[in-house]
């Protein structure tokens, strides 16, 4: 489950400006064997060594960029990012603890985006196949008109050396009128999503194990819903399960065609009302082997819940209800673009003010209704410790960093100058302590040994 897209922009705005005074600008030579060392200690949560670690600039990015092409490979212990060298892109893999270069891909030239504005020239993420092998996936969109296509290069994460070639390249045709092409993990496969000139979303699913690519428009339907009400709206593919695509209908209801349906797995306390929208739940995100959904009566005019929202987690393959919790966490109808964060071992996940322990079947809601400040969570580690901010309620309060142990679900405020990680590995955390000039810069701090 990807986090960099959803959290980096907010962190850049909320973090300290230590790089402005400590590190300055300057370029990074692509493929340097060692990354830059930290030049100044900064405040990090307990468990991370703020006096050690390394930093990495991405000076080719726009200073206002919200899309940061980087990810982590927990099993291989790597931080992956894209660098630019002239007109070429390069995938760079660095040891998360030392910053040393493990491998670097062959160069590829990606032409400037055409026609539809904000399509990024390239992207990168880490995924796993059904056997648990880690792959680094790079996306490039090239061509114009009927020849436009998205190319996915798959590299083995545990590669070594320079000028590494992909183990497989997959091609996905993209319509000439497609806008931004977004890549993310979607359960047991990859999802590519784009929108055409008519603002009709399209989704392609990619099965890593077989290389099979299928493209879907937004007219997907579920017989279990359509047999009841005549199909309450178009649907799109929200994830990929071992048994096929997870379809999410525009006005509620989700599941696998020919398989399970959300109406059979409603959370406790939710009573279907055939006269209301969203009566069969709405997909928020797919987190590993789980589907996160929300359930509420929705007023057609205001678009707001008429009663308390209930959030639920379902097994991706069977739809079985795993846990649920009342929570005021809704950011907008059908917000499939908020992936949240999944721990490296797959046990924990955080989505906004929600936190889930899949092993214990326990959900926490930090929406502030219990008298404590509400919190937005950005990352969670294998030890069940989550990180985020309080005070992001639009009331003008300055956000305060917090840590939340998920065995209790109780936030603990950290000193205001603390920088929190937005990506976590078993041995390190990735931080964004500030931006300077063009682009962005990241710091990677090793974890302290357990006492």
Protein backbone atom coordinates (compact mmCIF):
# COMPACT_ATOMS: atom_id res chain seq x y z
CA UNK A 1 0.00 0.00 0.00
CA UNK A 2 1.56 3.17 -1.18
CA UNK A 3 2.17 6.13 1.14
CA UNK A 4 4.48 8.55 -0.60
CA UNK A 5 1.76 9.92 -2.86
CA UNK A 6 -0.66 10.63 -0.07
CA UNK A 7 1.61 11.99 2.62
CA UNK A 8 4.69 13.72 1.26
CA UNK A 9 2.99 16.98 0.29
CA UNK A 10 1.49 17.35 3.75
CA UNK A 11 4.75 16.50 5.45
CA UNK A 12 6.68 19.04 3.41
CA UNK A 13 4.27 21.70 4.58
CA UNK A 14 4.32 20.60 8.22
CA UNK A 15 7.96 19.70 8.76
CA UNK A 16 10.81 21.73 10.12
CA UNK A 17 13.10 23.75 7.88
CA UNK A 18 16.38 22.29 9.07
CA UNK A 19 17.64 21.69 5.54
CA UNK A 20 17.36 25.39 4.79
CA UNK A 21 20.04 26.17 7.35
CA UNK A 22 21.98 22.96 7.58
CA UNK A 23 22.30 21.36 4.18
CA UNK A 24 21.93 23.96 1.48
CA UNK A 25 21.45 23.11 -2.16
CA UNK A 26 23.70 21.44 -4.66
CA UNK A 27 23.24 18.61 -7.08
CA UNK A 28 23.55 14.90 -6.57
CA UNK A 29 25.59 12.85 -8.99
CA UNK A 30 23.39 9.97 -10.10
CA UNK A 31 24.78 6.61 -9.10
CA UNK A 32 27.17 7.82 -6.40
CA UNK A 33 28.27 4.78 -4.43
CA UNK A 34 27.50 6.48 -1.09
CA UNK A 35 24.63 8.79 -0.25
CA UNK A 36 25.18 12.10 1.52
CA UNK A 37 25.61 11.91 5.29
CA UNK A 38 23.47 13.99 7.60
CA UNK A 39 25.05 17.34 8.40
CA UNK A 40 22.94 18.16 11.44
CA UNK A 41 21.07 16.13 14.00
CA UNK A 42 17.31 16.57 13.98
CA UNK A 43 14.59 15.51 16.35
CA UNK A 44 13.12 12.08 15.60
CA UNK A 45 10.81 9.83 17.62
CA UNK A 46 12.25 7.38 20.13
CA UNK A 47 13.64 4.37 18.38
CA UNK A 48 15.37 6.32 15.58
CA UNK A 49 18.90 7.70 15.69
CA UNK A 50 18.71 11.35 14.64
CA UNK A 51 22.49 11.73 14.66
CA UNK A 52 23.14 9.07 12.02
CA UNK A 53 21.66 8.15 8.70
CA UNK A 54 21.86 9.64 5.23
CA UNK A 55 20.04 12.07 2.98
CA UNK A 56 19.13 12.15 -0.67
CA UNK A 57 18.10 15.07 -2.89
CA UNK A 58 15.72 14.85 -5.83
CA UNK A 59 16.58 18.17 -7.40
CA UNK A 60 14.93 17.43 -10.73
CA UNK A 61 11.46 17.56 -9.18
CA UNK A 62 9.34 20.67 -9.16
CA UNK A 63 9.53 22.40 -5.76
CA UNK A 64 5.74 22.15 -5.56
CA UNK A 65 5.57 18.51 -6.62
CA UNK A 66 3.15 16.35 -4.63
CA UNK A 67 4.15 13.20 -6.49
CA UNK A 68 7.40 11.85 -5.16
CA UNK A 69 8.83 8.89 -7.12
CA UNK A 70 10.18 6.77 -4.28
CA UNK A 71 9.22 3.67 -2.29
CA UNK A 72 10.77 1.06 0.01
CA UNK A 73 11.41 -2.67 -0.29
CA UNK A 74 11.17 -3.96 3.32
CA UNK A 75 12.44 -7.51 2.71
CA UNK A 76 15.44 -6.35 0.70
CA UNK A 77 16.02 -3.40 3.05
CA UNK A 78 16.08 -0.85 0.23
CA UNK A 79 14.95 2.68 -0.50
CA UNK A 80 14.02 3.02 -4.17
CA UNK A 81 13.81 6.29 -6.08
CA UNK A 82 13.96 7.74 -9.56
CA UNK A 83 16.73 10.09 -10.58
CA UNK A 84 17.11 12.21 -13.67
CA UNK A 85 20.38 12.48 -15.58
CA UNK A 86 19.98 14.80 -18.51
CA UNK A 87 16.94 13.54 -20.38
CA UNK A 88 17.11 10.03 -18.92
CA UNK A 89 15.51 8.39 -15.92
CA UNK A 90 17.31 5.88 -13.71
CA UNK A 91 15.95 3.68 -10.93
CA UNK A 92 18.28 3.78 -7.94
CA UNK A 93 18.26 1.26 -5.05
CA UNK A 94 20.05 2.18 -1.82
CA UNK A 95 20.62 0.27 1.38
CA UNK A 96 18.11 1.69 3.85
CA UNK A 97 20.56 1.71 6.79
CA UNK A 98 23.81 2.82 5.14
CA UNK A 99 22.66 4.62 2.00
CA UNK A 100 25.15 2.64 -0.10
CA UNK A 101 24.18 1.99 -3.69
CA UNK A 102 22.97 -1.60 -4.15
CA UNK A 103 21.95 -1.37 -7.79
CA UNK A 104 21.06 1.08 -10.50
CA UNK A 105 18.96 0.40 -13.57
CA UNK A 106 19.76 1.00 -17.17
CA UNK A 107 18.87 4.48 -18.40
CA UNK A 108 15.72 5.16 -20.32
CA UNK A 109 14.59 8.30 -22.07
CA UNK A 110 11.07 9.49 -21.41
CA UNK A 111 9.74 12.35 -23.53
CA UNK A 112 8.02 15.28 -21.86
CA UNK A 113 4.33 14.73 -21.02
CA UNK A 114 1.99 15.55 -23.89
CA UNK A 115 -1.55 16.82 -24.32
CA UNK A 116 -2.99 16.19 -20.88
CA UNK A 117 -0.80 18.22 -18.55
CA UNK A 118 -0.03 16.62 -15.18
CA UNK A 119 0.85 13.08 -16.27
CA UNK A 120 4.21 12.41 -14.59
CA UNK A 121 6.94 11.22 -16.98
CA UNK A 122 7.77 8.29 -14.70
CA UNK A 123 6.90 6.63 -11.41
CA UNK A 124 8.20 3.85 -9.15
CA UNK A 125 6.80 1.50 -6.51
CA UNK A 126 7.50 -1.84 -4.86
CA UNK A 127 5.16 -4.80 -5.05
CA UNK A 128 5.24 -8.51 -4.24
CA UNK A 129 4.05 -11.52 -6.21
CA UNK A 130 1.96 -14.35 -4.79
CA UNK A 131 5.09 -16.10 -3.52
CA UNK A 132 6.26 -13.02 -1.64
CA UNK A 133 9.07 -12.03 -4.01
CA UNK A 134 9.67 -8.27 -4.10
CA UNK A 135 9.70 -6.42 -7.41
CA UNK A 136 10.52 -2.82 -8.18
CA UNK A 137 8.12 -1.48 -10.80
CA UNK A 138 8.79 1.61 -12.86
CA UNK A 139 6.14 3.33 -14.95
CA UNK A 140 6.76 5.42 -18.04
CA UNK A 141 4.10 6.83 -20.36
CA UNK A 142 5.19 7.42 -23.90
CA UNK A 143 3.87 7.99 -27.40
CA UNK A 144 0.99 10.08 -28.72
CA UNK A 145 -2.37 9.38 -30.31
CA UNK A 146 -3.14 5.70 -30.97
CA UNK A 147 0.45 4.76 -30.13
CA UNK A 148 0.28 6.05 -26.57
CA UNK A 149 1.13 3.40 -23.99
CA UNK A 150 2.28 2.82 -20.42
CA UNK A 151 5.36 0.67 -19.99
CA UNK A 152 5.92 -1.21 -16.74
CA UNK A 153 9.47 -2.47 -16.13
CA UNK A 154 9.80 -5.05 -13.35
CA UNK A 155 13.13 -5.44 -11.55
CA UNK A 156 13.97 -7.99 -8.86
CA UNK A 157 14.44 -6.00 -5.67
CA UNK A 158 17.43 -8.09 -4.58
CA UNK A 159 19.40 -7.30 -7.73
CA UNK A 160 22.97 -6.03 -7.58
CA UNK A 161 25.20 -4.00 -9.88
CA UNK A 162 24.81 -1.30 -12.49
CA UNK A 163 22.83 -0.98 -15.72
CA UNK A 164 20.36 -3.60 -14.47
CA UNK A 165 17.80 -4.62 -17.07
CA UNK A 166 14.21 -5.44 -16.11
CA UNK A 167 13.22 -9.07 -15.69
CA UNK A 168 9.96 -8.32 -17.50
CA UNK A 169 8.38 -5.42 -19.37
CA UNK A 170 4.60 -5.11 -19.65
CA UNK A 171 2.76 -2.81 -22.04
CA UNK A 172 -0.63 -1.23 -21.29
CA UNK A 173 -2.34 0.68 -24.14
CA UNK A 174 -3.48 4.12 -22.95
CA UNK A 175 -6.05 6.21 -24.86
CA UNK A 176 -4.71 9.33 -26.53
CA UNK A 177 -7.05 11.51 -24.44
CA UNK A 178 -5.96 9.97 -21.13
CA UNK A 179 -4.86 12.39 -18.44
CA UNK A 180 -2.73 11.50 -15.48
CA UNK A 181 -1.81 7.82 -15.30
CA UNK A 182 -1.55 6.71 -11.65
CA UNK A 183 0.12 3.50 -10.50
CA UNK A 184 -0.52 1.78 -7.17
CA UNK A 185 -0.79 -1.58 -5.47
CA UNK A 186 -4.28 -3.03 -5.46
CA UNK A 187 -4.25 -6.28 -3.48
CA UNK A 188 -2.87 -9.20 -5.48
CA UNK A 189 -1.84 -7.06 -8.42
CA UNK A 190 -1.11 -3.58 -9.71
CA UNK A 191 -3.66 -0.94 -10.69
CA UNK A 192 -3.23 1.76 -13.30
CA UNK A 193 -5.94 4.40 -13.39
CA UNK A 194 -6.52 7.31 -15.73
CA UNK A 195 -9.32 9.63 -16.83
CA UNK A 196 -10.18 10.63 -20.37
CA UNK A 197 -11.55 13.89 -21.76
CA UNK A 198 -15.09 12.83 -20.87
CA UNK A 199 -13.93 12.39 -17.25
CA UNK A 200 -14.72 8.70 -17.37
CA UNK A 201 -12.23 6.73 -15.25
CA UNK A 202 -10.47 3.70 -16.67
CA UNK A 203 -8.54 1.05 -14.79
CA UNK A 204 -6.04 -1.58 -15.88
CA UNK A 205 -5.14 -4.50 -13.61
CA UNK A 206 -1.77 -6.21 -13.85
CA UNK A 207 -1.19 -9.71 -12.48
CA UNK A 208 2.49 -9.80 -11.50
CA UNK A 209 2.65 -13.61 -11.46
CA UNK A 210 1.33 -14.10 -14.99
CA UNK A 211 1.91 -10.72 -16.60
CA UNK A 212 -1.74 -10.61 -17.61
CA UNK A 213 -3.13 -7.12 -18.23
CA UNK A 214 -6.85 -6.32 -18.35
CA UNK A 215 -8.46 -2.93 -18.92
CA UNK A 216 -11.85 -1.91 -17.51
CA UNK A 217 -14.01 1.16 -18.03
CA UNK A 218 -16.28 2.66 -15.33
CA UNK A 219 -19.33 0.64 -16.42
CA UNK A 220 -18.60 -2.38 -14.27
CA UNK A 221 -21.57 -3.90 -12.45
CA UNK A 222 -22.41 -6.46 -9.81
CA UNK A 223 -25.39 -8.77 -10.43
CA UNK A 224 -26.10 -8.94 -6.68
CA UNK A 225 -26.70 -5.19 -6.66
CA UNK A 226 -28.39 -4.87 -10.01
CA UNK A 227 -30.88 -7.66 -9.27
CA UNK A 228 -32.10 -5.69 -6.25
CA UNK A 229 -32.42 -2.16 -7.60
CA UNK A 230 -31.70 -2.21 -11.30
CA UNK A 231 -28.04 -1.29 -10.73
CA UNK A 232 -27.66 1.97 -8.83
CA UNK A 233 -24.86 3.43 -10.95
CA UNK A 234 -21.68 2.63 -12.78
CA UNK A 235 -18.75 0.99 -11.04
CA UNK A 236 -15.00 0.88 -11.25
CA UNK A 237 -12.33 -1.65 -10.32
CA UNK A 238 -10.93 -0.85 -6.87
CA UNK A 239 -8.59 -3.82 -6.44
CA UNK A 240 -7.51 -7.22 -7.67
CA UNK A 241 -8.19 -10.42 -5.70
CA UNK A 242 -7.10 -14.02 -6.36
CA UNK A 243 -10.59 -14.58 -7.79
CA UNK A 244 -10.90 -11.50 -9.98
CA UNK A 245 -11.40 -7.73 -9.80
CA UNK A 246 -13.06 -6.06 -6.82
CA UNK A 247 -15.78 -3.84 -8.31
CA UNK A 248 -17.01 -0.77 -6.41
CA UNK A 249 -20.33 0.69 -7.56
CA UNK A 250 -20.72 4.46 -7.67
CA UNK A 251 -23.72 4.50 -5.31
CA UNK A 252 -22.64 1.78 -2.93
CA UNK A 253 -22.04 -1.92 -3.02
CA UNK A 254 -18.83 -3.73 -3.83
CA UNK A 255 -17.54 -7.24 -4.34
CA UNK A 256 -16.29 -9.74 -6.90
CA UNK A 257 -18.62 -10.54 -9.82
CA UNK A 258 -19.63 -14.16 -9.44
CA UNK A 259 -18.11 -14.23 -5.98
CA UNK A 260 -18.92 -12.32 -2.80
CA UNK A 261 -20.95 -9.14 -2.32
CA UNK A 262 -20.74 -6.55 0.46
CA UNK A 263 -24.47 -6.82 1.29
CA UNK A 264 -23.76 -10.22 2.82
CA UNK A 265 -20.98 -8.86 5.03
CA UNK A 266 -22.39 -5.65 6.53
CA UNK A 267 -20.88 -4.51 9.85
CA UNK A 268 -22.93 -4.80 13.06
CA UNK A 269 -25.35 -1.97 13.68
CA UNK A 270 -25.81 -1.18 10.02
CA UNK A 271 -29.32 -1.86 8.72
CA UNK A 272 -29.75 -1.65 4.94
CA UNK A 273 -32.29 0.90 3.72
CA UNK A 274 -33.23 0.45 0.08
CA UNK A 275 -34.21 4.13 -0.23
CA UNK A 276 -30.78 5.47 0.67
CA UNK A 277 -27.58 5.71 -1.29
CA UNK A 278 -24.48 3.80 -0.23
CA UNK A 279 -26.55 1.24 1.65
CA UNK A 280 -24.12 -1.59 0.80
CA UNK A 281 -20.89 0.16 1.74
CA UNK A 282 -18.24 2.06 -0.22
CA UNK A 283 -14.65 0.97 -0.79
CA UNK A 284 -12.05 3.33 0.66
CA UNK A 285 -8.91 1.38 -0.19
CA UNK A 286 -7.42 -2.08 -0.60
CA UNK A 287 -4.69 -2.78 1.97
CA UNK A 288 -2.78 -5.95 1.26
CA UNK A 289 -5.26 -8.82 1.60
CA UNK A 290 -7.99 -6.57 3.03
CA UNK A 291 -10.67 -4.19 1.78
CA UNK A 292 -11.35 -1.09 3.90
CA UNK A 293 -14.90 0.28 3.49
CA UNK A 294 -17.29 2.79 5.06
CA UNK A 295 -21.03 2.48 5.62
CA UNK A 296 -23.44 5.36 6.27
CA UNK A 297 -26.77 6.87 5.31
CA UNK A 298 -26.01 9.67 2.87
CA UNK A 299 -28.13 12.76 2.23
CA UNK A 300 -28.45 13.13 -1.55
CA UNK A 301 -28.31 16.94 -1.44
CA UNK A 302 -25.48 17.59 1.00
CA UNK A 303 -23.54 14.40 0.40
CA UNK A 304 -22.98 14.06 4.14
CA UNK A 305 -23.84 11.10 6.38
CA UNK A 306 -27.24 11.25 8.05
CA UNK A 307 -26.09 8.96 10.83
CA UNK A 308 -22.79 7.79 12.25
CA UNK A 309 -20.35 6.22 9.83
CA UNK A 310 -19.21 2.69 10.41
CA UNK A 311 -15.85 1.60 8.99
CA UNK A 312 -15.23 -2.05 8.21
CA UNK A 313 -12.45 -4.35 7.05
CA UNK A 314 -13.19 -7.36 4.82
CA UNK A 315 -11.07 -10.26 3.64
CA UNK A 316 -10.09 -9.57 0.04
CA UNK A 317 -10.70 -13.12 -1.22
CA UNK A 318 -13.95 -13.96 0.60
CA UNK A 319 -15.47 -10.63 1.65
CA UNK A 320 -15.74 -11.92 5.23
CA UNK A 321 -16.11 -9.14 7.79
CA UNK A 322 -12.94 -8.98 9.91
CA UNK A 323 -13.57 -5.92 12.11
CA UNK A 324 -15.51 -2.66 12.28
CA UNK A 325 -15.58 0.59 14.25
CA UNK A 326 -17.76 3.75 14.28
CA UNK A 327 -15.64 6.70 13.12
CA UNK A 328 -16.06 10.20 11.68
CA UNK A 329 -13.36 9.70 9.07
CA UNK A 330 -15.05 10.40 5.76
CA UNK A 331 -13.04 12.71 3.51
CA UNK A 332 -15.31 12.51 0.48
CA UNK A 333 -17.51 10.03 -1.38
CA UNK A 334 -15.70 7.24 -3.22
CA UNK A 335 -12.30 8.45 -2.11
CA UNK A 336 -10.38 5.55 -3.62
CA UNK A 337 -7.23 7.66 -3.86
CA UNK A 338 -6.37 7.57 -0.12
CA UNK A 339 -4.33 4.38 0.22
CA UNK A 340 -3.06 4.96 3.74
CA UNK A 341 -0.08 2.92 4.91
CA UNK A 342 0.57 -0.79 5.50
CA UNK A 343 3.27 -2.11 7.82
CA UNK A 344 6.04 -4.11 6.18
CA UNK A 345 4.85 -7.38 7.73
CA UNK A 346 1.25 -6.73 6.61
CA UNK A 347 -0.19 -6.93 10.13
CA UNK A 348 -1.07 -3.26 10.64
CA UNK A 349 -2.57 -0.48 8.52
CA UNK A 350 -3.49 3.17 9.05
CA UNK A 351 -5.93 5.22 6.97
CA UNK A 352 -6.49 8.80 8.13
CA UNK A 353 -7.72 8.61 11.75
CA UNK A 354 -8.19 4.84 11.55
CA UNK A 355 -5.76 2.12 12.60
CA UNK A 356 -6.16 -1.63 12.14
CA UNK A 357 -4.50 -4.68 13.66
CA UNK A 358 -5.40 -7.50 11.27
CA UNK A 359 -3.97 -10.25 13.46
CA UNK A 360 -6.05 -9.31 16.51
CA UNK A 361 -9.05 -8.08 14.51
CA UNK A 362 -8.90 -4.76 16.36
CA UNK A 363 -9.77 -1.34 14.92
CA UNK A 364 -9.05 2.06 16.48
CA UNK A 365 -10.68 5.40 15.63
CA UNK A 366 -8.85 8.64 16.45
CA UNK A 367 -11.51 11.12 15.30
CA UNK A 368 -11.38 13.20 18.50
CA UNK A 369 -14.87 12.39 19.75
CA UNK A 370 -13.54 10.89 22.98
CA UNK A 371 -12.29 14.27 24.19
CA UNK A 372 -8.76 13.84 22.93
CA UNK A 373 -7.45 15.69 19.85
CA UNK A 374 -8.15 13.84 16.64
CA UNK A 375 -5.18 12.46 14.73
CA UNK A 376 -4.29 11.71 11.12
CA UNK A 377 -1.93 8.76 10.87
CA UNK A 378 0.72 8.55 8.17
CA UNK A 379 2.76 5.41 8.82
CA UNK A 380 2.94 2.29 10.97
CA UNK A 381 5.77 -0.13 11.71
CA UNK A 382 6.00 -3.87 12.27
CA UNK A 383 6.00 -3.24 16.02
CA UNK A 384 2.52 -1.69 15.83
CA UNK A 385 3.71 1.88 16.45
CA UNK A 386 1.98 4.46 14.25
CA UNK A 387 2.95 8.07 13.59
CA UNK A 388 0.88 11.07 12.65
CA UNK A 389 -0.35 14.53 13.62
CA UNK A 390 -3.10 15.98 15.78
CA UNK A 391 -4.78 19.34 15.20
CA UNK A 392 -5.49 18.92 11.48
CA UNK A 393 -9.15 19.84 11.81
CA UNK A 394 -9.14 23.07 9.83
CA UNK A 395 -9.49 25.11 13.01
CA UNK A 396 -6.18 26.87 12.65
CA UNK A 397 -4.39 24.79 15.27
CA UNK A 398 -0.77 24.00 14.65
CA UNK A 399 -0.42 20.25 14.06
CA UNK A 400 1.36 18.33 16.81
CA UNK A 401 3.26 15.12 16.00
CA UNK A 402 2.05 12.01 17.80
CA UNK A 403 2.96 8.37 18.19
CA UNK A 404 0.26 5.75 18.70
CA UNK A 405 0.97 2.22 19.97
CA UNK A 406 -1.76 0.10 18.42
CA UNK A 407 -1.96 -2.25 21.38
CA UNK A 408 -3.75 0.60 23.18
CA UNK A 409 -4.70 3.03 20.39
CA UNK A 410 -3.91 6.00 22.66
CA UNK A 411 -1.97 8.88 21.02
CA UNK A 412 1.04 10.34 22.79
CA UNK A 413 2.10 13.83 21.79
CA UNK A 414 5.73 14.35 20.79
CA UNK A 415 7.77 17.56 21.01
CA UNK A 416 6.61 19.99 18.33
CA UNK A 417 9.97 19.94 16.56
CA UNK A 418 9.81 16.16 16.09
CA UNK A 419 9.90 14.95 12.49
CA UNK A 420 7.92 11.76 11.92
CA UNK A 421 8.55 9.03 9.32
CA UNK A 422 6.28 8.69 6.30
CA UNK A 423 7.77 5.37 5.17
CA UNK A 424 8.95 2.60 7.50
CA UNK A 425 11.17 -0.44 7.11
CA UNK A 426 12.17 -2.97 9.78
CA UNK A 427 15.59 -1.30 10.09
CA UNK A 428 14.99 2.35 9.23
CA UNK A 429 12.52 5.16 8.66
CA UNK A 430 12.22 7.67 5.81
CA UNK A 431 11.66 11.30 6.80
CA UNK A 432 11.11 14.53 4.93
CA UNK A 433 12.54 17.18 7.22
CA UNK A 434 12.16 20.01 4.75
CA UNK A 435 12.62 21.21 1.21
CA UNK A 436 15.18 23.55 -0.26
CA UNK A 437 15.11 25.42 -3.55
CA UNK A 438 14.06 23.09 -6.32
CA UNK A 439 12.84 19.60 -5.63
CA UNK A 440 12.81 17.73 -2.35
CA UNK A 441 15.21 16.00 -0.02
CA UNK A 442 14.75 13.03 2.25
CA UNK A 443 16.54 11.71 5.29
CA UNK A 444 16.74 8.02 6.20
CA UNK A 445 17.47 7.23 9.84
CA UNK A 446 18.40 3.79 11.21
CA UNK A 447 16.42 2.35 14.10
CA UNK A 448 18.15 2.15 17.45
CA UNK A 449 18.85 -1.39 18.71
CA UNK A 450 16.12 -2.71 20.98
CA UNK A 451 17.00 -2.44 24.64
